[in-house]
């Protein structure tokens, strides 16, 4: 439920690399705050099924734009939403933060950090589950994939963190966390 700021809704913005625990955290937040989750992977896998990882994934930015338009409408109604896109880039996080605040919502930011070995292990475990709404990353491609991820993410700095209404920084050292 929204916090003591009256019935003010909240954008729960989750930043982290694949395997860092974004979906797990998003599901916990959804239960605790009765919030609506927006996960592009689930939409892509549901719509494109077998071609999700090739054809469907090319529509990721369109899916995220659609999700964000829906999310803003939901925030205006006083309902919390969760964006679990990974939000790797600061300008993306700033846009989401500013637009959420412009519709009267507070912004709760979560940064999930985990060592490369933990991310790799979690991705391998997730691959074994063969969940229909999860993307499969072949074992032979994980290291190159993680190289790209680590080169791409813009880790939030102190100034950026100070612009959110709430910040939760989580560092995971082991795959069980």
C-alpha atoms as a PDB file:
ATOM      1  CA  UNK A   1       0.000   0.000   0.000  1.00  0.00           C
ATOM      2  CA  UNK A   2       1.194   3.546  -0.573  1.00  0.00           C
ATOM      3  CA  UNK A   3       3.066   5.003   2.345  1.00  0.00           C
ATOM      4  CA  UNK A   4       2.164   7.739   4.804  1.00  0.00           C
ATOM      5  CA  UNK A   5       2.174  10.475   2.163  1.00  0.00           C
ATOM      6  CA  UNK A   6      -1.597   9.999   1.966  1.00  0.00           C
ATOM      7  CA  UNK A   7      -2.821   8.016  -0.995  1.00  0.00           C
ATOM      8  CA  UNK A   8       0.169   8.981  -3.095  1.00  0.00           C
ATOM      9  CA  UNK A   9       1.105   6.200  -5.473  1.00  0.00           C
ATOM     10  CA  UNK A  10       4.675   5.054  -5.938  1.00  0.00           C
ATOM     11  CA  UNK A  11       6.791   4.046  -8.870  1.00  0.00           C
ATOM     12  CA  UNK A  12       9.044   1.211  -7.737  1.00  0.00           C
ATOM     13  CA  UNK A  13      12.006   1.462 -10.090  1.00  0.00           C
ATOM     14  CA  UNK A  14      14.333  -1.549 -10.153  1.00  0.00           C
ATOM     15  CA  UNK A  15      17.839  -1.353 -11.603  1.00  0.00           C
ATOM     16  CA  UNK A  16      20.029  -4.406 -12.049  1.00  0.00           C
ATOM     17  CA  UNK A  17      21.636  -6.800 -14.475  1.00  0.00           C
ATOM     18  CA  UNK A  18      20.144 -10.143 -15.568  1.00  0.00           C
ATOM     19  CA  UNK A  19      20.267 -12.591 -12.683  1.00  0.00           C
ATOM     20  CA  UNK A  20      20.509  -9.869 -10.025  1.00  0.00           C
ATOM     21  CA  UNK A  21      17.046 -10.663  -8.633  1.00  0.00           C
ATOM     22  CA  UNK A  22      14.836  -8.017 -10.272  1.00  0.00           C
ATOM     23  CA  UNK A  23      11.842 -10.277 -10.875  1.00  0.00           C
ATOM     24  CA  UNK A  24      12.088 -11.872  -7.439  1.00  0.00           C
ATOM     25  CA  UNK A  25      12.172  -8.439  -5.790  1.00  0.00           C
ATOM     26  CA  UNK A  26       9.383  -7.133  -8.048  1.00  0.00           C
ATOM     27  CA  UNK A  27       7.119  -9.998  -7.005  1.00  0.00           C
ATOM     28  CA  UNK A  28       7.835  -9.259  -3.322  1.00  0.00           C
ATOM     29  CA  UNK A  29       7.059  -5.558  -3.835  1.00  0.00           C
ATOM     30  CA  UNK A  30       3.865  -6.445  -5.746  1.00  0.00           C
ATOM     31  CA  UNK A  31       2.646  -8.508  -2.792  1.00  0.00           C
ATOM     32  CA  UNK A  32       3.666  -5.971  -0.147  1.00  0.00           C
ATOM     33  CA  UNK A  33       2.300  -2.862  -1.888  1.00  0.00           C
ATOM     34  CA  UNK A  34      -0.443  -4.427  -4.022  1.00  0.00           C
ATOM     35  CA  UNK A  35       1.450  -2.999  -6.999  1.00  0.00           C
ATOM     36  CA  UNK A  36       1.228  -3.755 -10.716  1.00  0.00           C
ATOM     37  CA  UNK A  37       4.396  -5.269 -12.262  1.00  0.00           C
ATOM     38  CA  UNK A  38       5.678  -4.327 -15.692  1.00  0.00           C
ATOM     39  CA  UNK A  39       8.194  -6.832 -17.046  1.00  0.00           C
ATOM     40  CA  UNK A  40       8.817  -6.645 -20.814  1.00  0.00           C
ATOM     41  CA  UNK A  41      10.269 -10.178 -20.939  1.00  0.00           C
ATOM     42  CA  UNK A  42       6.936 -11.642 -19.816  1.00  0.00           C
ATOM     43  CA  UNK A  43       4.967  -9.693 -22.420  1.00  0.00           C
ATOM     44  CA  UNK A  44       7.406 -10.540 -25.221  1.00  0.00           C
ATOM     45  CA  UNK A  45       7.480 -14.243 -24.339  1.00  0.00           C
ATOM     46  CA  UNK A  46       3.680 -14.345 -24.047  1.00  0.00           C
ATOM     47  CA  UNK A  47       3.024 -12.609 -27.367  1.00  0.00           C
ATOM     48  CA  UNK A  48       5.792 -14.054 -29.566  1.00  0.00           C
ATOM     49  CA  UNK A  49       6.247 -17.430 -27.855  1.00  0.00           C
ATOM     50  CA  UNK A  50       8.838 -19.436 -29.892  1.00  0.00           C
ATOM     51  CA  UNK A  51      10.115 -16.375 -31.782  1.00  0.00           C
ATOM     52  CA  UNK A  52      10.332 -14.159 -28.684  1.00  0.00           C
ATOM     53  CA  UNK A  53      14.111 -14.254 -28.446  1.00  0.00           C
ATOM     54  CA  UNK A  54      14.579 -13.253 -32.074  1.00  0.00           C
ATOM     55  CA  UNK A  55      11.601 -11.452 -33.579  1.00  0.00           C
ATOM     56  CA  UNK A  56       9.830 -10.482 -30.361  1.00  0.00           C
ATOM     57  CA  UNK A  57      12.865  -9.016 -28.667  1.00  0.00           C
ATOM     58  CA  UNK A  58      13.193  -6.460 -31.487  1.00  0.00           C
ATOM     59  CA  UNK A  59      10.005  -4.874 -30.125  1.00  0.00           C
ATOM     60  CA  UNK A  60      11.344  -4.462 -26.565  1.00  0.00           C
ATOM     61  CA  UNK A  61      11.470  -0.653 -26.675  1.00  0.00           C
ATOM     62  CA  UNK A  62       7.909  -0.540 -28.054  1.00  0.00           C
ATOM     63  CA  UNK A  63       6.721  -2.843 -25.270  1.00  0.00           C
ATOM     64  CA  UNK A  64       8.477  -0.716 -22.644  1.00  0.00           C
ATOM     65  CA  UNK A  65       6.907   2.475 -24.068  1.00  0.00           C
ATOM     66  CA  UNK A  66       3.462   0.882 -23.945  1.00  0.00           C
ATOM     67  CA  UNK A  67       4.079  -0.382 -20.415  1.00  0.00           C
ATOM     68  CA  UNK A  68       5.191   3.084 -19.303  1.00  0.00           C
ATOM     69  CA  UNK A  69       2.083   4.767 -20.751  1.00  0.00           C
ATOM     70  CA  UNK A  70      -0.085   2.241 -18.885  1.00  0.00           C
ATOM     71  CA  UNK A  71       1.999   2.651 -15.740  1.00  0.00           C
ATOM     72  CA  UNK A  72       1.537   6.438 -15.712  1.00  0.00           C
ATOM     73  CA  UNK A  73      -2.228   6.018 -16.037  1.00  0.00           C
ATOM     74  CA  UNK A  74      -2.219   3.559 -13.153  1.00  0.00           C
ATOM     75  CA  UNK A  75      -0.050   5.862 -11.013  1.00  0.00           C
ATOM     76  CA  UNK A  76      -2.564   8.680 -11.585  1.00  0.00           C
ATOM     77  CA  UNK A  77      -5.216   6.408 -10.079  1.00  0.00           C
ATOM     78  CA  UNK A  78      -3.214   6.090  -6.858  1.00  0.00           C
ATOM     79  CA  UNK A  79      -1.968   2.553  -7.525  1.00  0.00           C
ATOM     80  CA  UNK A  80       1.700   1.577  -7.203  1.00  0.00           C
ATOM     81  CA  UNK A  81       3.571   0.237 -10.225  1.00  0.00           C
ATOM     82  CA  UNK A  82       6.850  -1.612 -10.596  1.00  0.00           C
ATOM     83  CA  UNK A  83       9.203  -1.164 -13.542  1.00  0.00           C
ATOM     84  CA  UNK A  84      11.565  -4.133 -13.713  1.00  0.00           C
ATOM     85  CA  UNK A  85      13.200  -3.384 -17.059  1.00  0.00           C
ATOM     86  CA  UNK A  86      16.696  -3.276 -15.623  1.00  0.00           C
ATOM     87  CA  UNK A  87      16.871   0.493 -16.236  1.00  0.00           C
ATOM     88  CA  UNK A  88      20.600   0.407 -16.983  1.00  0.00           C
ATOM     89  CA  UNK A  89      20.964   3.993 -18.175  1.00  0.00           C
ATOM     90  CA  UNK A  90      20.762   7.081 -15.990  1.00  0.00           C
ATOM     91  CA  UNK A  91      18.811   9.126 -18.561  1.00  0.00           C
ATOM     92  CA  UNK A  92      16.177   6.363 -18.695  1.00  0.00           C
ATOM     93  CA  UNK A  93      15.864   6.330 -14.894  1.00  0.00           C
ATOM     94  CA  UNK A  94      15.694  10.135 -14.783  1.00  0.00           C
ATOM     95  CA  UNK A  95      12.923  10.205 -17.401  1.00  0.00           C
ATOM     96  CA  UNK A  96      10.878   7.609 -15.501  1.00  0.00           C
ATOM     97  CA  UNK A  97      11.480   9.383 -12.187  1.00  0.00           C
ATOM     98  CA  UNK A  98      10.574  12.830 -13.531  1.00  0.00           C
ATOM     99  CA  UNK A  99       7.464  11.642 -15.355  1.00  0.00           C
ATOM    100  CA  UNK A 100       6.273   9.683 -12.314  1.00  0.00           C
ATOM    101  CA  UNK A 101       6.707  12.749 -10.121  1.00  0.00           C
ATOM    102  CA  UNK A 102       4.878  14.866 -12.708  1.00  0.00           C
ATOM    103  CA  UNK A 103       1.763  12.698 -12.219  1.00  0.00           C
ATOM    104  CA  UNK A 104       2.039  13.025  -8.431  1.00  0.00           C
ATOM    105  CA  UNK A 105       3.769   9.750  -7.593  1.00  0.00           C
ATOM    106  CA  UNK A 106       6.698   9.188  -5.308  1.00  0.00           C
ATOM    107  CA  UNK A 107       9.649   7.166  -6.613  1.00  0.00           C
ATOM    108  CA  UNK A 108      11.184   4.263  -4.744  1.00  0.00           C
ATOM    109  CA  UNK A 109      14.494   3.148  -6.268  1.00  0.00           C
ATOM    110  CA  UNK A 110      16.088  -0.275  -5.862  1.00  0.00           C
ATOM    111  CA  UNK A 111      19.585  -1.049  -7.103  1.00  0.00           C
ATOM    112  CA  UNK A 112      20.594  -4.710  -7.202  1.00  0.00           C
ATOM    113  CA  UNK A 113      24.299  -5.431  -7.432  1.00  0.00           C
ATOM    114  CA  UNK A 114      25.838  -8.885  -7.676  1.00  0.00           C
ATOM    115  CA  UNK A 115      29.238 -10.193  -8.723  1.00  0.00           C
ATOM    116  CA  UNK A 116      29.623 -11.624 -12.199  1.00  0.00           C
ATOM    117  CA  UNK A 117      30.016 -15.195 -10.844  1.00  0.00           C
ATOM    118  CA  UNK A 118      26.671 -14.950  -9.032  1.00  0.00           C
ATOM    119  CA  UNK A 119      24.908 -13.559 -12.121  1.00  0.00           C
ATOM    120  CA  UNK A 120      26.367 -16.346 -14.261  1.00  0.00           C
ATOM    121  CA  UNK A 121      25.312 -19.025 -11.773  1.00  0.00           C
ATOM    122  CA  UNK A 122      21.788 -17.613 -11.499  1.00  0.00           C
ATOM    123  CA  UNK A 123      21.389 -17.398 -15.281  1.00  0.00           C
ATOM    124  CA  UNK A 124      22.481 -21.034 -15.580  1.00  0.00           C
ATOM    125  CA  UNK A 125      19.963 -22.033 -12.886  1.00  0.00           C
ATOM    126  CA  UNK A 126      17.201 -20.031 -14.575  1.00  0.00           C
ATOM    127  CA  UNK A 127      18.013 -21.745 -17.891  1.00  0.00           C
ATOM    128  CA  UNK A 128      17.414 -25.145 -16.256  1.00  0.00           C
ATOM    129  CA  UNK A 129      13.921 -24.113 -15.152  1.00  0.00           C
ATOM    130  CA  UNK A 130      12.826 -23.478 -18.747  1.00  0.00           C
ATOM    131  CA  UNK A 131      10.134 -21.076 -17.559  1.00  0.00           C
ATOM    132  CA  UNK A 132       7.971 -20.009 -20.517  1.00  0.00           C
ATOM    133  CA  UNK A 133       8.300 -16.305 -19.619  1.00  0.00           C
ATOM    134  CA  UNK A 134      12.063 -16.207 -19.112  1.00  0.00           C
ATOM    135  CA  UNK A 135      14.663 -15.655 -21.802  1.00  0.00           C
ATOM    136  CA  UNK A 136      17.169 -18.457 -22.277  1.00  0.00           C
ATOM    137  CA  UNK A 137      20.826 -17.503 -22.640  1.00  0.00           C
ATOM    138  CA  UNK A 138      22.908 -20.412 -23.958  1.00  0.00           C
ATOM    139  CA  UNK A 139      25.737 -21.319 -21.604  1.00  0.00           C
ATOM    140  CA  UNK A 140      28.305 -20.737 -24.346  1.00  0.00           C
ATOM    141  CA  UNK A 141      27.081 -17.122 -24.709  1.00  0.00           C
ATOM    142  CA  UNK A 142      26.702 -16.107 -21.049  1.00  0.00           C
ATOM    143  CA  UNK A 143      30.207 -14.701 -20.591  1.00  0.00           C
ATOM    144  CA  UNK A 144      30.031 -12.533 -23.701  1.00  0.00           C
ATOM    145  CA  UNK A 145      26.494 -11.463 -22.734  1.00  0.00           C
ATOM    146  CA  UNK A 146      27.655 -10.450 -19.249  1.00  0.00           C
ATOM    147  CA  UNK A 147      30.629  -8.558 -20.735  1.00  0.00           C
ATOM    148  CA  UNK A 148      28.168  -6.445 -22.715  1.00  0.00           C
ATOM    149  CA  UNK A 149      25.942  -5.968 -19.674  1.00  0.00           C
ATOM    150  CA  UNK A 150      28.782  -4.772 -17.444  1.00  0.00           C
ATOM    151  CA  UNK A 151      30.027  -2.390 -20.148  1.00  0.00           C
ATOM    152  CA  UNK A 152      26.512  -0.993 -20.706  1.00  0.00           C
ATOM    153  CA  UNK A 153      25.105  -0.356 -17.228  1.00  0.00           C
ATOM    154  CA  UNK A 154      25.461   3.105 -15.707  1.00  0.00           C
ATOM    155  CA  UNK A 155      25.730   2.515 -11.973  1.00  0.00           C
ATOM    156  CA  UNK A 156      23.742   5.131 -10.054  1.00  0.00           C
ATOM    157  CA  UNK A 157      25.890   7.672  -8.229  1.00  0.00           C
ATOM    158  CA  UNK A 158      25.260   9.571  -5.010  1.00  0.00           C
ATOM    159  CA  UNK A 159      23.684  12.583  -6.696  1.00  0.00           C
ATOM    160  CA  UNK A 160      21.227  10.450  -8.655  1.00  0.00           C
ATOM    161  CA  UNK A 161      20.364   8.428  -5.555  1.00  0.00           C
ATOM    162  CA  UNK A 162      19.600  11.656  -3.676  1.00  0.00           C
ATOM    163  CA  UNK A 163      16.828  12.471  -6.187  1.00  0.00           C
ATOM    164  CA  UNK A 164      14.621   9.520  -5.208  1.00  0.00           C
ATOM    165  CA  UNK A 165      12.096   9.476  -2.358  1.00  0.00           C
ATOM    166  CA  UNK A 166      13.410   6.136  -1.118  1.00  0.00           C
ATOM    167  CA  UNK A 167      16.532   4.128  -1.987  1.00  0.00           C
ATOM    168  CA  UNK A 168      17.250   0.458  -1.357  1.00  0.00           C
ATOM    169  CA  UNK A 169      20.739  -0.707  -2.365  1.00  0.00           C
ATOM    170  CA  UNK A 170      21.193  -4.469  -2.299  1.00  0.00           C
ATOM    171  CA  UNK A 171      24.535  -6.174  -2.779  1.00  0.00           C
ATOM    172  CA  UNK A 172      24.411  -9.933  -3.193  1.00  0.00           C
ATOM    173  CA  UNK A 173      27.562 -11.940  -2.569  1.00  0.00           C
ATOM    174  CA  UNK A 174      26.124 -15.453  -2.968  1.00  0.00           C
ATOM    175  CA  UNK A 175      23.674 -17.052  -5.368  1.00  0.00           C
ATOM    176  CA  UNK A 176      21.330 -18.127  -2.529  1.00  0.00           C
ATOM    177  CA  UNK A 177      20.625 -14.515  -1.450  1.00  0.00           C
END
